[in-house]
Protein backbone atom coordinates (compact mmCIF):
# COMPACT_ATOMS: atom_id res chain seq x y z
CA UNK A 1 119.74 117.54 -39.36
CA UNK A 2 119.00 114.54 -37.15
CA UNK A 3 115.90 114.52 -34.92
CA UNK A 4 116.03 112.29 -31.85
CA UNK A 5 112.64 110.62 -31.74
CA UNK A 6 110.26 109.49 -34.48
CA UNK A 7 106.78 110.02 -33.06
CA UNK A 8 104.40 112.93 -32.36
CA UNK A 9 106.72 115.72 -31.20
CA UNK A 10 109.36 114.72 -33.74
CA UNK A 11 106.71 115.33 -36.42
CA UNK A 12 106.20 118.87 -35.11
CA UNK A 13 109.97 119.49 -35.02
CA UNK A 14 110.21 118.24 -38.61
CA UNK A 15 107.47 120.68 -39.58
CA UNK A 16 109.38 123.60 -38.02
CA UNK A 17 112.66 122.61 -39.68
CA UNK A 18 111.02 122.27 -43.10
CA UNK A 19 109.11 125.51 -42.63
CA UNK A 20 112.40 127.28 -41.87
CA UNK A 21 114.27 125.51 -44.70
CA UNK A 22 112.26 123.38 -47.17
CA UNK A 23 115.51 121.85 -48.44
CA UNK A 24 116.51 120.45 -45.03
CA UNK A 25 118.23 117.07 -45.16
CA UNK A 26 116.51 115.22 -42.32
CA UNK A 27 117.19 112.01 -40.40
CA UNK A 28 115.49 110.48 -37.37
CA UNK A 29 116.76 108.36 -34.50
CA UNK A 30 114.54 105.83 -32.69
CA UNK A 31 116.12 102.81 -31.02
CA UNK A 32 112.88 101.83 -29.21
CA UNK A 33 110.08 101.49 -31.78
CA UNK A 34 110.43 98.45 -34.09
CA UNK A 35 108.16 99.95 -36.76
CA UNK A 36 107.73 103.59 -37.81
CA UNK A 37 104.15 104.05 -39.02
CA UNK A 38 103.90 107.81 -39.46
CA UNK A 39 103.63 108.49 -43.21
CA UNK A 40 105.52 111.80 -43.06
CA UNK A 41 108.44 110.42 -41.04
CA UNK A 42 108.66 107.20 -43.11
CA UNK A 43 109.81 109.29 -46.08
CA UNK A 44 113.14 109.94 -44.31
CA UNK A 45 115.95 107.68 -43.06
CA UNK A 46 115.38 106.39 -39.52
CA UNK A 47 118.46 105.29 -37.56
CA UNK A 48 117.60 102.50 -35.13
CA UNK A 49 120.83 101.63 -33.30
CA UNK A 50 123.45 103.47 -31.26
CA UNK A 51 126.17 102.11 -33.52
CA UNK A 52 124.55 103.53 -36.66
CA UNK A 53 123.98 106.83 -34.86
CA UNK A 54 127.70 107.08 -34.05
CA UNK A 55 128.48 106.40 -37.72
CA UNK A 56 126.07 109.13 -38.76
CA UNK A 57 127.63 111.63 -36.36
CA UNK A 58 131.06 110.91 -37.85
CA UNK A 59 129.72 112.54 -41.03
CA UNK A 60 127.29 115.12 -39.59
CA UNK A 61 127.11 115.52 -35.80
CA UNK A 62 124.25 118.03 -35.54
CA UNK A 63 121.05 116.93 -33.81
CA UNK A 64 117.91 118.36 -32.20
CA UNK A 65 115.57 116.92 -29.60
CA UNK A 66 112.29 115.52 -30.89
CA UNK A 67 110.54 114.21 -27.77
CA UNK A 68 108.53 116.09 -25.18
CA UNK A 69 108.95 114.39 -21.80
CA UNK A 70 111.70 116.16 -19.80
CA UNK A 71 113.51 113.06 -18.49
CA UNK A 72 113.54 111.44 -21.94
CA UNK A 73 114.83 114.65 -23.51
CA UNK A 74 117.78 114.58 -21.11
CA UNK A 75 118.48 110.89 -21.70
CA UNK A 76 118.49 111.35 -25.47
CA UNK A 77 120.67 114.45 -25.23
CA UNK A 78 123.21 112.57 -23.11
CA UNK A 79 123.12 109.51 -25.37
CA UNK A 80 123.59 111.48 -28.58
CA UNK A 81 126.31 113.76 -27.26
CA UNK A 82 128.09 110.74 -25.83
CA UNK A 83 128.15 109.26 -29.34
CA UNK A 84 129.64 112.41 -30.82
CA UNK A 85 126.57 114.53 -31.49
CA UNK A 86 126.31 118.30 -31.13
CA UNK A 87 123.01 119.49 -29.62
CA UNK A 88 121.31 122.44 -31.35
CA UNK A 89 118.13 124.46 -30.77
CA UNK A 90 115.09 124.69 -33.03
CA UNK A 91 113.11 127.93 -33.17
CA UNK A 92 109.96 128.37 -35.26
CA UNK A 93 109.92 131.41 -37.52
CA UNK A 94 106.58 132.44 -36.00
CA UNK A 95 107.99 132.68 -32.46
CA UNK A 96 108.64 136.12 -30.97
CA UNK A 97 111.70 136.45 -28.74
CA UNK A 98 112.53 139.80 -27.14
CA UNK A 99 115.95 141.27 -27.85
CA UNK A 100 116.19 142.66 -24.29
CA UNK A 101 118.54 140.44 -22.26
CA UNK A 102 116.96 137.09 -23.04
CA UNK A 103 119.25 134.15 -22.18
CA UNK A 104 118.52 130.93 -24.05
CA UNK A 105 120.30 127.66 -23.31
CA UNK A 106 121.36 125.14 -25.90
CA UNK A 107 119.07 122.45 -27.29
CA UNK A 108 115.77 124.32 -26.93
CA UNK A 109 112.58 123.68 -28.90
CA UNK A 110 110.75 127.00 -29.32
CA UNK A 111 107.61 126.24 -31.27
CA UNK A 112 105.08 128.19 -33.34
CA UNK A 113 103.56 131.38 -31.88
CA UNK A 114 105.60 131.28 -28.68
CA UNK A 115 106.17 134.68 -27.06
CA UNK A 116 109.21 135.26 -24.86
CA UNK A 117 109.34 138.65 -23.14
CA UNK A 118 112.37 140.68 -21.90
CA UNK A 119 114.95 139.42 -19.41
CA UNK A 120 113.81 135.80 -19.52
CA UNK A 121 116.26 132.94 -18.87
CA UNK A 122 115.61 129.43 -20.20
CA UNK A 123 117.92 126.50 -19.44
CA UNK A 124 119.34 123.83 -21.72
CA UNK A 125 117.05 121.33 -23.41
CA UNK A 126 113.73 122.95 -22.53
CA UNK A 127 110.67 122.73 -24.77
CA UNK A 128 108.46 125.81 -25.08
CA UNK A 129 105.48 124.48 -27.00
CA UNK A 130 103.01 126.15 -29.36
CA UNK A 131 101.42 129.44 -28.26
CA UNK A 132 103.01 129.40 -24.79
CA UNK A 133 103.88 132.79 -23.30
CA UNK A 134 106.81 133.50 -20.96
CA UNK A 135 106.60 136.95 -19.41
CA UNK A 136 109.33 139.33 -18.22
CA UNK A 137 112.12 138.31 -15.83
CA UNK A 138 111.00 134.69 -15.60
CA UNK A 139 113.55 131.91 -15.11
CA UNK A 140 112.92 128.42 -16.48
CA UNK A 141 115.32 125.59 -15.69
CA UNK A 142 116.86 122.81 -17.73
CA UNK A 143 114.87 120.14 -19.60
CA UNK A 144 111.45 121.52 -18.76
CA UNK A 145 108.31 121.11 -20.86
CA UNK A 146 106.07 124.15 -21.17
CA UNK A 147 102.98 122.76 -22.91
CA UNK A 148 100.80 124.46 -25.54
CA UNK A 149 99.03 127.60 -24.44
CA UNK A 150 100.63 127.78 -20.99
CA UNK A 151 101.16 131.25 -19.55
CA UNK A 152 104.12 131.94 -17.27
CA UNK A 153 103.70 135.44 -15.90
CA UNK A 154 106.34 137.92 -14.77
CA UNK A 155 109.11 137.17 -12.28
CA UNK A 156 108.13 133.52 -12.01
CA UNK A 157 110.69 130.77 -11.47
CA UNK A 158 110.53 127.14 -12.63
CA UNK A 159 113.06 124.49 -11.64
CA UNK A 160 114.63 121.73 -13.74
CA UNK A 161 112.68 118.82 -15.30
CA UNK A 162 109.31 120.43 -14.59
CA UNK A 163 106.25 120.19 -16.85
CA UNK A 164 103.68 122.99 -17.05
CA UNK A 165 100.53 121.53 -18.61
CA UNK A 166 98.50 122.88 -21.52
CA UNK A 167 96.64 126.07 -20.69
CA UNK A 168 98.06 126.29 -17.17
CA UNK A 169 98.79 129.71 -15.69
CA UNK A 170 101.64 130.53 -13.29
CA UNK A 171 100.94 133.83 -11.51
CA UNK A 172 103.55 136.60 -11.01
CA UNK A 173 106.43 135.89 -8.68
CA UNK A 174 105.51 132.23 -8.07
CA UNK A 175 108.39 129.78 -7.61
CA UNK A 176 107.88 126.21 -8.82
CA UNK A 177 110.43 123.55 -7.89
CA UNK A 178 112.18 120.86 -9.92
CA UNK A 179 110.58 117.60 -11.10
CA UNK A 180 107.09 119.08 -10.75
CA UNK A 181 104.02 118.37 -12.88
CA UNK A 182 101.47 121.17 -13.16
CA UNK A 183 98.26 119.72 -14.62
CA UNK A 184 96.57 121.16 -17.68
CA UNK A 185 94.41 124.18 -16.90
CA UNK A 186 95.80 124.66 -13.38
CA UNK A 187 96.31 128.15 -11.95
CA UNK A 188 99.37 128.26 -9.72
CA UNK A 189 98.96 131.04 -7.16
CA UNK A 190 101.66 130.12 -4.62
CA UNK A 191 105.10 128.51 -4.45
CA UNK A 192 105.34 124.76 -5.19
CA UNK A 193 108.07 122.47 -3.75
CA UNK A 194 110.08 119.85 -5.66
CA UNK A 195 108.73 116.42 -6.71
CA UNK A 196 104.98 117.00 -6.59
CA UNK A 197 102.02 117.03 -8.95
CA UNK A 198 99.56 119.91 -8.63
CA UNK A 199 96.21 120.63 -10.23
CA UNK A 200 93.12 122.78 -9.86
CA UNK A 201 92.17 126.44 -9.51
CA UNK A 202 93.96 127.41 -7.39
CA UNK A 203 96.51 124.61 -7.84
CA UNK A 204 97.05 122.33 -4.83
CA UNK A 205 99.34 119.35 -4.29
CA UNK A 206 97.67 116.10 -5.35
CA UNK A 207 100.59 113.68 -5.02
CA UNK A 208 104.33 113.34 -4.60
CA UNK A 209 106.58 112.16 -7.40
């Protein structure tokens, strides 16, 4: 399996893949960083050019996303699929996902101790990070980042390319737009439009994006 990225989140994805299958044959892709310093990642082959990535995909085209930032996740997904890759999801064995009408897009990262309740919909490329909880009938868009410990309560809605910060809480029925940043620890009590950053308890708009 090839992981796009060779820094912090890629390390966590590697951990999940090896936890699920200790015999996993892993590769990394990073065409930005000239030197890979992480001792765990350095043990594995790191592909550093688009040309070499295309050659790799000619043999094994499966890849997973290994970065956190929504826009970068999308760029890497488009780059890799354009070079012949096939985007897959990664789900930690410690995650709980309801069997009641949950719809999961392709290319997700569902990390350790995540809980996903009934009738939830999550779009392509989204990251649900460690110990986040997504309650019933919530809809999360494409290429979002739900950070560690965030709580998305029932019937909430989150647009595309939105980040919900660590420990933030989205209250029931709240609709959050696309390209939004919700700061760590914020409590979102009312609807939020597109392209803004919010923070505080209750969360208020601090800036436009």
